[in-house]
């Protein structure tokens, strides 16, 4: 499991489609782009704030998943 501290979190991208609006959280870990779509802006802001909180605490991110080490599932541990 390769980890890195090279993380940048961007603002939420809003896409207004014909059927529904989606909100996408975008971030980069060690040069690789990641994105996660959400149906509501509240869910997107919550996830984005978790990423920012992890970077603020100095937590390492896993390069393979793009998520902080604390976000590993119990089964993966």
N, C-alpha and C. Protein backbone atom coordinates (compact mmCIF):
# COMPACT_ATOMS: atom_id res chain seq x y z
N UNK A 1 0.84 -1.17 0.00
CA UNK A 1 0.00 0.00 0.00
C UNK A 1 0.89 1.24 0.00
N UNK A 2 0.86 1.96 -1.10
CA UNK A 2 1.68 3.16 -1.24
C UNK A 2 0.88 4.37 -0.82
N UNK A 3 1.45 5.18 0.06
CA UNK A 3 0.75 6.37 0.54
C UNK A 3 1.53 7.62 0.17
N UNK A 4 0.83 8.75 0.15
CA UNK A 4 1.44 10.02 -0.19
C UNK A 4 0.73 11.15 0.55
N UNK A 5 1.42 12.26 0.64
CA UNK A 5 0.84 13.47 1.23
C UNK A 5 0.59 14.53 0.17
N UNK A 6 0.83 14.20 -1.09
CA UNK A 6 0.64 15.12 -2.21
C UNK A 6 -0.82 15.09 -2.63
N UNK A 7 -1.64 15.96 -2.01
CA UNK A 7 -3.09 15.96 -2.23
C UNK A 7 -3.56 17.38 -2.48
N UNK A 8 -4.48 17.53 -3.43
CA UNK A 8 -5.11 18.82 -3.68
C UNK A 8 -6.60 18.57 -3.89
N UNK A 9 -7.44 19.29 -3.15
CA UNK A 9 -8.90 19.14 -3.24
C UNK A 9 -9.46 20.38 -3.93
N UNK A 10 -10.30 20.17 -4.94
CA UNK A 10 -10.88 21.27 -5.70
C UNK A 10 -12.30 21.56 -5.22
N UNK A 11 -12.87 22.63 -5.75
CA UNK A 11 -14.25 22.96 -5.39
C UNK A 11 -15.21 21.99 -6.08
N UNK A 12 -16.44 21.98 -5.61
CA UNK A 12 -17.45 21.05 -6.11
C UNK A 12 -17.92 21.50 -7.49
N UNK A 13 -17.97 20.56 -8.41
CA UNK A 13 -18.44 20.81 -9.77
C UNK A 13 -19.92 20.47 -9.86
N UNK A 14 -20.73 21.40 -10.35
CA UNK A 14 -22.17 21.20 -10.48
C UNK A 14 -22.51 20.95 -11.94
N UNK A 15 -23.24 19.86 -12.20
CA UNK A 15 -23.68 19.53 -13.55
C UNK A 15 -25.20 19.48 -13.55
N UNK A 16 -25.82 20.36 -14.34
CA UNK A 16 -27.27 20.40 -14.44
C UNK A 16 -27.68 19.68 -15.72
N UNK A 17 -28.10 18.45 -15.56
CA UNK A 17 -28.52 17.64 -16.69
C UNK A 17 -30.00 17.83 -16.98
N UNK A 18 -30.50 17.11 -17.97
CA UNK A 18 -31.91 17.20 -18.35
C UNK A 18 -32.80 16.56 -17.29
N UNK A 19 -32.32 15.52 -16.63
CA UNK A 19 -33.14 14.80 -15.65
C UNK A 19 -32.85 15.18 -14.21
N UNK A 20 -31.57 15.39 -13.88
CA UNK A 20 -31.24 15.74 -12.51
C UNK A 20 -29.92 16.49 -12.47
N UNK A 21 -29.65 17.08 -11.34
CA UNK A 21 -28.40 17.79 -11.11
C UNK A 21 -27.50 16.93 -10.25
N UNK A 22 -26.23 16.83 -10.64
CA UNK A 22 -25.27 16.09 -9.84
C UNK A 22 -24.15 17.03 -9.40
N UNK A 23 -23.55 16.68 -8.26
CA UNK A 23 -22.48 17.45 -7.68
C UNK A 23 -21.27 16.54 -7.53
N UNK A 24 -20.15 16.94 -8.12
CA UNK A 24 -18.98 16.09 -8.18
C UNK A 24 -17.83 16.70 -7.38
N UNK A 25 -17.29 15.90 -6.47
CA UNK A 25 -16.11 16.29 -5.71
C UNK A 25 -14.89 15.83 -6.49
N UNK A 26 -13.94 16.73 -6.69
CA UNK A 26 -12.74 16.41 -7.45
C UNK A 26 -11.51 16.65 -6.59
N UNK A 27 -10.54 15.72 -6.70
CA UNK A 27 -9.28 15.88 -5.98
C UNK A 27 -8.18 15.13 -6.70
N UNK A 28 -6.94 15.47 -6.41
CA UNK A 28 -5.77 14.87 -7.05
C UNK A 28 -4.88 14.30 -5.96
N UNK A 29 -4.47 13.05 -6.13
CA UNK A 29 -3.54 12.39 -5.21
C UNK A 29 -2.34 11.93 -6.01
N UNK A 30 -1.19 12.51 -5.71
CA UNK A 30 0.07 12.15 -6.38
C UNK A 30 -0.05 12.24 -7.91
N UNK A 31 -0.71 13.27 -8.39
CA UNK A 31 -0.83 13.49 -9.82
C UNK A 31 -1.97 12.75 -10.50
N UNK A 32 -2.67 11.87 -9.79
CA UNK A 32 -3.79 11.13 -10.37
C UNK A 32 -5.11 11.79 -9.96
N UNK A 33 -5.96 12.04 -10.94
CA UNK A 33 -7.24 12.70 -10.70
C UNK A 33 -8.29 11.72 -10.20
N UNK A 34 -9.07 12.18 -9.23
CA UNK A 34 -10.16 11.39 -8.69
C UNK A 34 -11.41 12.25 -8.68
N UNK A 35 -12.58 11.60 -8.82
CA UNK A 35 -13.85 12.31 -8.75
C UNK A 35 -14.92 11.38 -8.23
N UNK A 36 -15.84 11.96 -7.45
CA UNK A 36 -16.92 11.18 -6.85
C UNK A 36 -18.21 11.99 -7.01
N UNK A 37 -19.19 11.48 -7.76
CA UNK A 37 -20.46 12.21 -7.93
C UNK A 37 -21.44 11.94 -6.79
N UNK A 38 -22.24 12.95 -6.47
CA UNK A 38 -23.27 12.85 -5.44
C UNK A 38 -24.56 13.47 -5.95
N UNK A 39 -25.69 13.01 -5.39
CA UNK A 39 -26.99 13.51 -5.82
C UNK A 39 -27.36 14.83 -5.16
N UNK A 40 -26.82 15.11 -3.99
CA UNK A 40 -27.15 16.36 -3.30
C UNK A 40 -25.86 17.12 -2.98
N UNK A 41 -26.00 18.43 -2.88
CA UNK A 41 -24.85 19.26 -2.56
C UNK A 41 -24.39 19.02 -1.13
N UNK A 42 -25.30 18.67 -0.24
CA UNK A 42 -24.93 18.41 1.16
C UNK A 42 -24.02 17.18 1.27
N UNK A 43 -24.34 16.13 0.54
CA UNK A 43 -23.49 14.94 0.54
C UNK A 43 -22.10 15.24 -0.04
N UNK A 44 -22.08 16.01 -1.11
CA UNK A 44 -20.81 16.37 -1.74
C UNK A 44 -19.96 17.22 -0.80
N UNK A 45 -20.58 18.20 -0.13
CA UNK A 45 -19.84 19.05 0.80
C UNK A 45 -19.32 18.25 1.99
N UNK A 46 -20.11 17.29 2.45
CA UNK A 46 -19.68 16.45 3.56
C UNK A 46 -18.46 15.62 3.20
N UNK A 47 -18.48 15.01 2.02
CA UNK A 47 -17.34 14.20 1.59
C UNK A 47 -16.11 15.07 1.37
N UNK A 48 -16.31 16.23 0.74
CA UNK A 48 -15.20 17.15 0.49
C UNK A 48 -14.58 17.63 1.80
N UNK A 49 -15.43 17.91 2.79
CA UNK A 49 -14.90 18.37 4.07
C UNK A 49 -14.11 17.27 4.78
N UNK A 50 -14.50 16.01 4.58
CA UNK A 50 -13.73 14.90 5.15
C UNK A 50 -12.34 14.83 4.52
N UNK A 51 -12.27 15.05 3.21
CA UNK A 51 -10.97 15.05 2.54
C UNK A 51 -10.10 16.20 3.04
N UNK A 52 -10.70 17.38 3.16
CA UNK A 52 -9.95 18.54 3.63
C UNK A 52 -9.52 18.36 5.08
N UNK A 53 -10.39 17.79 5.90
CA UNK A 53 -10.05 17.53 7.30
C UNK A 53 -8.87 16.57 7.40
N UNK A 54 -8.85 15.55 6.54
CA UNK A 54 -7.75 14.58 6.55
C UNK A 54 -6.44 15.25 6.15
N UNK A 55 -6.47 16.12 5.16
CA UNK A 55 -5.25 16.82 4.77
C UNK A 55 -4.80 17.76 5.87
N UNK A 56 -5.74 18.39 6.55
CA UNK A 56 -5.41 19.30 7.64
C UNK A 56 -4.78 18.60 8.83
N UNK A 57 -5.19 17.35 9.07
CA UNK A 57 -4.62 16.58 10.16
C UNK A 57 -3.27 15.97 9.78
N UNK A 58 -2.86 16.12 8.53
CA UNK A 58 -1.59 15.55 8.08
C UNK A 58 -1.67 14.07 7.81
N UNK A 59 -2.84 13.61 7.44
CA UNK A 59 -3.06 12.19 7.18
C UNK A 59 -2.57 11.82 5.78
N UNK A 60 -2.03 10.63 5.65
CA UNK A 60 -1.57 10.14 4.34
C UNK A 60 -2.76 9.64 3.53
N UNK A 61 -2.64 9.74 2.21
CA UNK A 61 -3.65 9.23 1.29
C UNK A 61 -3.09 8.03 0.56
N UNK A 62 -3.93 7.05 0.29
CA UNK A 62 -3.53 5.85 -0.44
C UNK A 62 -3.57 6.17 -1.93
N UNK A 63 -2.48 5.96 -2.62
CA UNK A 63 -2.40 6.29 -4.05
C UNK A 63 -3.34 5.45 -4.90
N UNK A 64 -3.57 4.20 -4.52
CA UNK A 64 -4.40 3.29 -5.31
C UNK A 64 -5.88 3.62 -5.25
N UNK A 65 -6.35 4.16 -4.11
CA UNK A 65 -7.77 4.45 -3.95
C UNK A 65 -8.09 5.93 -3.97
N UNK A 66 -7.10 6.77 -3.70
CA UNK A 66 -7.32 8.21 -3.66
C UNK A 66 -7.95 8.69 -2.37
N UNK A 67 -8.12 7.81 -1.40
CA UNK A 67 -8.77 8.15 -0.14
C UNK A 67 -7.76 8.19 1.00
N UNK A 68 -8.09 8.89 2.08
CA UNK A 68 -7.19 8.91 3.24
C UNK A 68 -7.08 7.52 3.86
N UNK A 69 -6.02 7.31 4.60
CA UNK A 69 -5.80 6.02 5.25
C UNK A 69 -6.93 5.70 6.21
N UNK A 70 -7.52 6.70 6.86
CA UNK A 70 -8.60 6.47 7.81
C UNK A 70 -9.90 6.01 7.14
N UNK A 71 -10.01 6.12 5.83
CA UNK A 71 -11.22 5.71 5.11
C UNK A 71 -11.19 4.25 4.68
N UNK A 72 -10.16 3.53 5.07
CA UNK A 72 -10.11 2.11 4.70
C UNK A 72 -11.26 1.38 5.35
N UNK A 73 -11.83 0.45 4.63
CA UNK A 73 -12.93 -0.33 5.19
C UNK A 73 -12.39 -1.33 6.21
N UNK A 74 -13.25 -1.78 7.09
CA UNK A 74 -12.85 -2.75 8.11
C UNK A 74 -12.41 -4.07 7.50
N UNK A 75 -13.03 -4.45 6.37
CA UNK A 75 -12.67 -5.72 5.73
C UNK A 75 -11.28 -5.65 5.09
N UNK A 76 -10.88 -4.46 4.63
CA UNK A 76 -9.57 -4.31 4.02
C UNK A 76 -8.46 -4.34 5.06
N UNK A 77 -8.80 -3.97 6.29
CA UNK A 77 -7.80 -3.97 7.37
C UNK A 77 -7.61 -5.35 7.89
